[in-house]
Protein backbone atom coordinates (compact mmCIF):
# COMPACT_ATOMS: atom_id res chain seq x y z
CA UNK A 1 0.06 0.01 -0.04
CA UNK A 2 1.09 3.42 -0.68
CA UNK A 3 -0.87 6.39 0.47
CA UNK A 4 -0.52 10.10 -1.18
CA UNK A 5 -2.88 13.04 -0.59
CA UNK A 6 -5.69 10.65 0.84
CA UNK A 7 -5.46 8.18 -1.95
CA UNK A 8 -4.20 4.78 -1.27
CA UNK A 9 -2.72 2.56 -4.01
CA UNK A 10 -3.14 -1.08 -3.30
CA UNK A 11 -1.35 -4.15 -4.68
CA UNK A 12 -0.15 -7.50 -3.68
CA UNK A 13 2.98 -7.93 -1.52
CA UNK A 14 5.74 -10.49 -2.08
CA UNK A 15 4.23 -12.58 0.65
CA UNK A 16 0.76 -12.45 -1.19
CA UNK A 17 2.27 -13.50 -4.49
CA UNK A 18 4.30 -16.38 -2.87
CA UNK A 19 1.07 -17.77 -1.12
CA UNK A 20 -0.96 -17.70 -4.40
CA UNK A 21 1.63 -18.92 -7.04
CA UNK A 22 1.20 -17.88 -10.59
CA UNK A 23 -1.93 -15.80 -10.82
CA UNK A 24 -3.95 -16.38 -14.23
CA UNK A 25 -7.28 -14.46 -13.57
CA UNK A 26 -8.47 -11.59 -11.68
CA UNK A 27 -11.88 -10.03 -11.24
CA UNK A 28 -11.31 -6.35 -10.30
CA UNK A 29 -13.62 -4.06 -8.25
CA UNK A 30 -15.67 -1.48 -10.08
CA UNK A 31 -14.85 2.24 -10.33
CA UNK A 32 -16.99 4.61 -8.00
CA UNK A 33 -17.72 1.58 -5.75
CA UNK A 34 -17.46 2.01 -2.00
CA UNK A 35 -15.91 -0.71 0.02
CA UNK A 36 -15.64 -1.06 3.80
CA UNK A 37 -12.53 -2.46 5.35
CA UNK A 38 -12.62 -6.26 4.82
CA UNK A 39 -14.95 -6.21 1.65
CA UNK A 40 -13.73 -8.14 -1.36
CA UNK A 41 -11.38 -6.01 -3.40
CA UNK A 42 -10.10 -8.75 -5.82
CA UNK A 43 -10.95 -12.22 -6.91
CA UNK A 44 -8.07 -14.19 -8.06
CA UNK A 45 -7.34 -17.57 -9.64
CA UNK A 46 -3.92 -18.88 -9.17
CA UNK A 47 -1.83 -22.00 -9.03
CA UNK A 48 -2.23 -22.61 -5.42
CA UNK A 49 -5.71 -21.11 -4.64
CA UNK A 50 -8.86 -19.26 -5.89
CA UNK A 51 -9.40 -16.60 -3.50
CA UNK A 52 -11.17 -13.35 -2.60
CA UNK A 53 -8.87 -10.74 -1.27
CA UNK A 54 -10.19 -8.37 1.27
CA UNK A 55 -9.46 -4.53 0.97
CA UNK A 56 -7.29 -3.30 3.90
CA UNK A 57 -8.99 0.06 4.00
CA UNK A 58 -12.45 1.57 3.51
CA UNK A 59 -13.14 4.23 0.87
CA UNK A 60 -14.11 4.76 -2.80
CA UNK A 61 -12.50 3.03 -5.58
CA UNK A 62 -11.42 6.06 -7.96
CA UNK A 63 -9.30 4.11 -10.34
CA UNK A 64 -8.29 0.53 -11.13
CA UNK A 65 -5.33 -0.86 -13.15
CA UNK A 66 -7.03 -1.43 -16.48
CA UNK A 67 -3.86 -3.48 -17.80
CA UNK A 68 -4.83 -6.31 -15.41
CA UNK A 69 -8.04 -6.97 -17.32
CA UNK A 70 -6.24 -8.22 -20.34
CA UNK A 71 -2.85 -9.30 -18.46
CA UNK A 72 -3.73 -10.44 -14.90
CA UNK A 73 -0.39 -12.09 -14.79
CA UNK A 74 1.08 -8.55 -14.20
CA UNK A 75 -0.05 -9.20 -10.54
CA UNK A 76 2.62 -11.79 -10.48
CA UNK A 77 5.43 -8.85 -10.85
CA UNK A 78 7.21 -7.17 -8.09
CA UNK A 79 7.19 -3.84 -10.04
CA UNK A 80 4.56 -1.93 -8.22
CA UNK A 81 4.39 0.51 -11.16
CA UNK A 82 2.68 -2.28 -13.18
CA UNK A 83 1.12 -4.56 -10.62
CA UNK A 84 -1.10 -2.18 -8.58
CA UNK A 85 -4.74 -3.22 -8.32
CA UNK A 86 -6.67 -0.15 -7.32
CA UNK A 87 -6.65 3.40 -6.04
CA UNK A 88 -9.04 4.06 -2.91
CA UNK A 89 -9.65 7.29 -1.62
CA UNK A 90 -10.61 7.30 2.11
């Protein structure tokens, strides 16, 4: 997570990537949706699990990483510039 001016960019940590293995499919949240802490942020299918990932913060989804729709395997990268999931405004 990275917070700047009340907007938090959320992605997977290295621990999360290691836990799930190679991610092959992801369902992203909708822009303008409001999430409570603990709500499902992302559904993923990976080598080791099919899982729902909870959002660590409450707020409004103001942007999603559109590249993940066509290339969910970007979530496997440790480059936060390409593997972020969503930006949430608290």
